[in-house]
Amino acid sequence: MRALLWLLLTASVLANVFVSTFAGWTGGLQIVGSVGTGALLIGSAVGLWLTRPRTGA
């Protein structure tokens, strides 16, 4: 599960860089692409945080 979340996190960062710099999208299409990749990034980061190993102190 955590490996899939790490893969999604990495893919979303790479996709966001692509949408922002190389895709040549403008206007609404770039906004939709950035929002979609941002939501995926936040979702996978929250999933990783929720599934982190916890140590009892």
N, C-alpha and C. Protein backbone atom coordinates (compact mmCIF):
# COMPACT_ATOMS: atom_id res chain seq x y z
N MET A 1 0.82 -1.19 0.00
CA MET A 1 0.00 0.00 0.00
C MET A 1 0.87 1.26 0.00
N ARG A 2 1.86 1.27 0.89
CA ARG A 2 2.72 2.45 0.96
C ARG A 2 3.53 2.64 -0.31
N ALA A 3 3.92 1.52 -0.94
CA ALA A 3 4.68 1.64 -2.19
C ALA A 3 3.82 2.29 -3.28
N LEU A 4 2.54 1.94 -3.33
CA LEU A 4 1.63 2.56 -4.30
C LEU A 4 1.46 4.04 -4.01
N LEU A 5 1.36 4.41 -2.74
CA LEU A 5 1.23 5.82 -2.38
C LEU A 5 2.49 6.60 -2.76
N TRP A 6 3.67 6.02 -2.55
CA TRP A 6 4.91 6.67 -2.96
C TRP A 6 4.96 6.83 -4.47
N LEU A 7 4.50 5.82 -5.20
CA LEU A 7 4.46 5.89 -6.66
C LEU A 7 3.52 7.00 -7.12
N LEU A 8 2.35 7.10 -6.51
CA LEU A 8 1.40 8.16 -6.85
C LEU A 8 1.96 9.54 -6.52
N LEU A 9 2.64 9.65 -5.40
CA LEU A 9 3.24 10.94 -5.02
C LEU A 9 4.27 11.37 -6.05
N THR A 10 5.14 10.45 -6.42
CA THR A 10 6.17 10.76 -7.41
C THR A 10 5.57 11.09 -8.77
N ALA A 11 4.59 10.29 -9.18
CA ALA A 11 3.95 10.52 -10.48
C ALA A 11 3.22 11.87 -10.51
N SER A 12 2.60 12.24 -9.41
CA SER A 12 1.89 13.52 -9.39
C SER A 12 2.84 14.70 -9.45
N VAL A 13 3.98 14.60 -8.80
CA VAL A 13 4.97 15.67 -8.89
C VAL A 13 5.49 15.80 -10.32
N LEU A 14 5.84 14.67 -10.93
CA LEU A 14 6.33 14.70 -12.31
C LEU A 14 5.27 15.21 -13.28
N ALA A 15 4.02 14.78 -13.08
CA ALA A 15 2.93 15.24 -13.94
C ALA A 15 2.69 16.74 -13.78
N ASN A 16 2.81 17.24 -12.56
CA ASN A 16 2.62 18.67 -12.34
C ASN A 16 3.72 19.48 -13.01
N VAL A 17 4.95 19.00 -12.93
CA VAL A 17 6.05 19.68 -13.62
C VAL A 17 5.81 19.68 -15.12
N PHE A 18 5.36 18.55 -15.65
CA PHE A 18 5.08 18.46 -17.08
C PHE A 18 3.98 19.42 -17.50
N VAL A 19 2.89 19.44 -16.74
CA VAL A 19 1.76 20.32 -17.07
C VAL A 19 2.18 21.78 -16.98
N SER A 20 2.99 22.11 -15.99
CA SER A 20 3.37 23.51 -15.77
C SER A 20 4.40 24.03 -16.77
N THR A 21 5.27 23.14 -17.27
CA THR A 21 6.37 23.65 -18.08
C THR A 21 6.39 23.14 -19.51
N PHE A 22 6.16 21.87 -19.74
CA PHE A 22 6.40 21.29 -21.06
C PHE A 22 5.16 21.06 -21.90
N ALA A 23 3.99 20.99 -21.31
CA ALA A 23 2.79 20.62 -22.04
C ALA A 23 2.32 21.71 -23.00
N GLY A 24 2.63 22.94 -22.71
CA GLY A 24 2.19 24.04 -23.56
C GLY A 24 0.71 24.36 -23.39
N TRP A 25 0.12 23.88 -22.30
CA TRP A 25 -1.28 24.17 -22.04
C TRP A 25 -1.42 25.59 -21.50
N THR A 26 -2.51 26.23 -21.82
CA THR A 26 -2.76 27.58 -21.32
C THR A 26 -4.19 27.66 -20.79
N GLY A 27 -4.41 28.65 -19.99
CA GLY A 27 -5.76 28.94 -19.50
C GLY A 27 -6.34 27.85 -18.64
N GLY A 28 -7.61 27.55 -18.94
CA GLY A 28 -8.38 26.61 -18.14
C GLY A 28 -7.81 25.20 -18.15
N LEU A 29 -7.23 24.79 -19.27
CA LEU A 29 -6.67 23.44 -19.34
C LEU A 29 -5.49 23.28 -18.39
N GLN A 30 -4.66 24.30 -18.28
CA GLN A 30 -3.54 24.23 -17.35
C GLN A 30 -4.03 24.25 -15.90
N ILE A 31 -5.07 25.02 -15.63
CA ILE A 31 -5.62 25.07 -14.28
C ILE A 31 -6.19 23.70 -13.90
N VAL A 32 -6.94 23.08 -14.80
CA VAL A 32 -7.52 21.77 -14.52
C VAL A 32 -6.42 20.73 -14.31
N GLY A 33 -5.38 20.77 -15.13
CA GLY A 33 -4.28 19.83 -14.97
C GLY A 33 -3.54 20.03 -13.66
N SER A 34 -3.31 21.27 -13.29
CA SER A 34 -2.60 21.55 -12.04
C SER A 34 -3.44 21.18 -10.82
N VAL A 35 -4.73 21.45 -10.88
CA VAL A 35 -5.62 21.10 -9.76
C VAL A 35 -5.69 19.58 -9.62
N GLY A 36 -5.80 18.87 -10.73
CA GLY A 36 -5.87 17.41 -10.68
C GLY A 36 -4.62 16.79 -10.12
N THR A 37 -3.46 17.24 -10.59
CA THR A 37 -2.21 16.68 -10.07
C THR A 37 -1.98 17.11 -8.63
N GLY A 38 -2.41 18.31 -8.28
CA GLY A 38 -2.28 18.77 -6.90
C GLY A 38 -3.14 17.96 -5.95
N ALA A 39 -4.35 17.64 -6.38
CA ALA A 39 -5.24 16.82 -5.53
C ALA A 39 -4.65 15.43 -5.34
N LEU A 40 -4.07 14.87 -6.39
CA LEU A 40 -3.44 13.56 -6.28
C LEU A 40 -2.23 13.63 -5.34
N LEU A 41 -1.46 14.69 -5.44
CA LEU A 41 -0.31 14.86 -4.56
C LEU A 41 -0.73 14.97 -3.10
N ILE A 42 -1.71 15.80 -2.83
CA ILE A 42 -2.17 15.97 -1.45
C ILE A 42 -2.78 14.68 -0.92
N GLY A 43 -3.56 14.00 -1.74
CA GLY A 43 -4.18 12.75 -1.31
C GLY A 43 -3.16 11.67 -0.98
N SER A 44 -2.14 11.54 -1.82
CA SER A 44 -1.12 10.52 -1.54
C SER A 44 -0.26 10.92 -0.34
N ALA A 45 0.01 12.20 -0.16
CA ALA A 45 0.78 12.63 1.01
C ALA A 45 0.00 12.37 2.30
N VAL A 46 -1.30 12.64 2.29
CA VAL A 46 -2.12 12.37 3.47
C VAL A 46 -2.18 10.87 3.73
N GLY A 47 -2.32 10.08 2.67
CA GLY A 47 -2.32 8.62 2.84
C GLY A 47 -1.03 8.11 3.43
N LEU A 48 0.10 8.64 2.98
CA LEU A 48 1.38 8.24 3.56
C LEU A 48 1.48 8.65 5.02
N TRP A 49 0.97 9.84 5.34
CA TRP A 49 1.03 10.29 6.72
C TRP A 49 0.15 9.43 7.62
N LEU A 50 -1.01 9.04 7.13
CA LEU A 50 -1.91 8.23 7.93
C LEU A 50 -1.41 6.80 8.12
N THR A 51 -0.61 6.31 7.18
CA THR A 51 -0.12 4.94 7.27
C THR A 51 1.33 4.87 7.77
N ARG A 52 1.83 5.95 8.33
CA ARG A 52 3.20 5.96 8.81
C ARG A 52 3.35 5.03 10.01
N PRO A 53 4.52 4.43 10.15
CA PRO A 53 4.74 3.57 11.31
C PRO A 53 4.82 4.41 12.58
N ARG A 54 4.11 3.99 13.58
CA ARG A 54 4.07 4.74 14.84
C ARG A 54 4.85 3.99 15.89
N THR A 55 5.64 4.73 16.65
CA THR A 55 6.40 4.13 17.75
C THR A 55 5.84 4.65 19.06
N GLY A 56 5.69 3.77 20.01
CA GLY A 56 5.19 4.18 21.33
C GLY A 56 6.34 4.66 22.19
N ALA A 57 6.16 5.83 22.78
CA ALA A 57 7.23 6.38 23.61
C ALA A 57 6.97 6.10 25.07
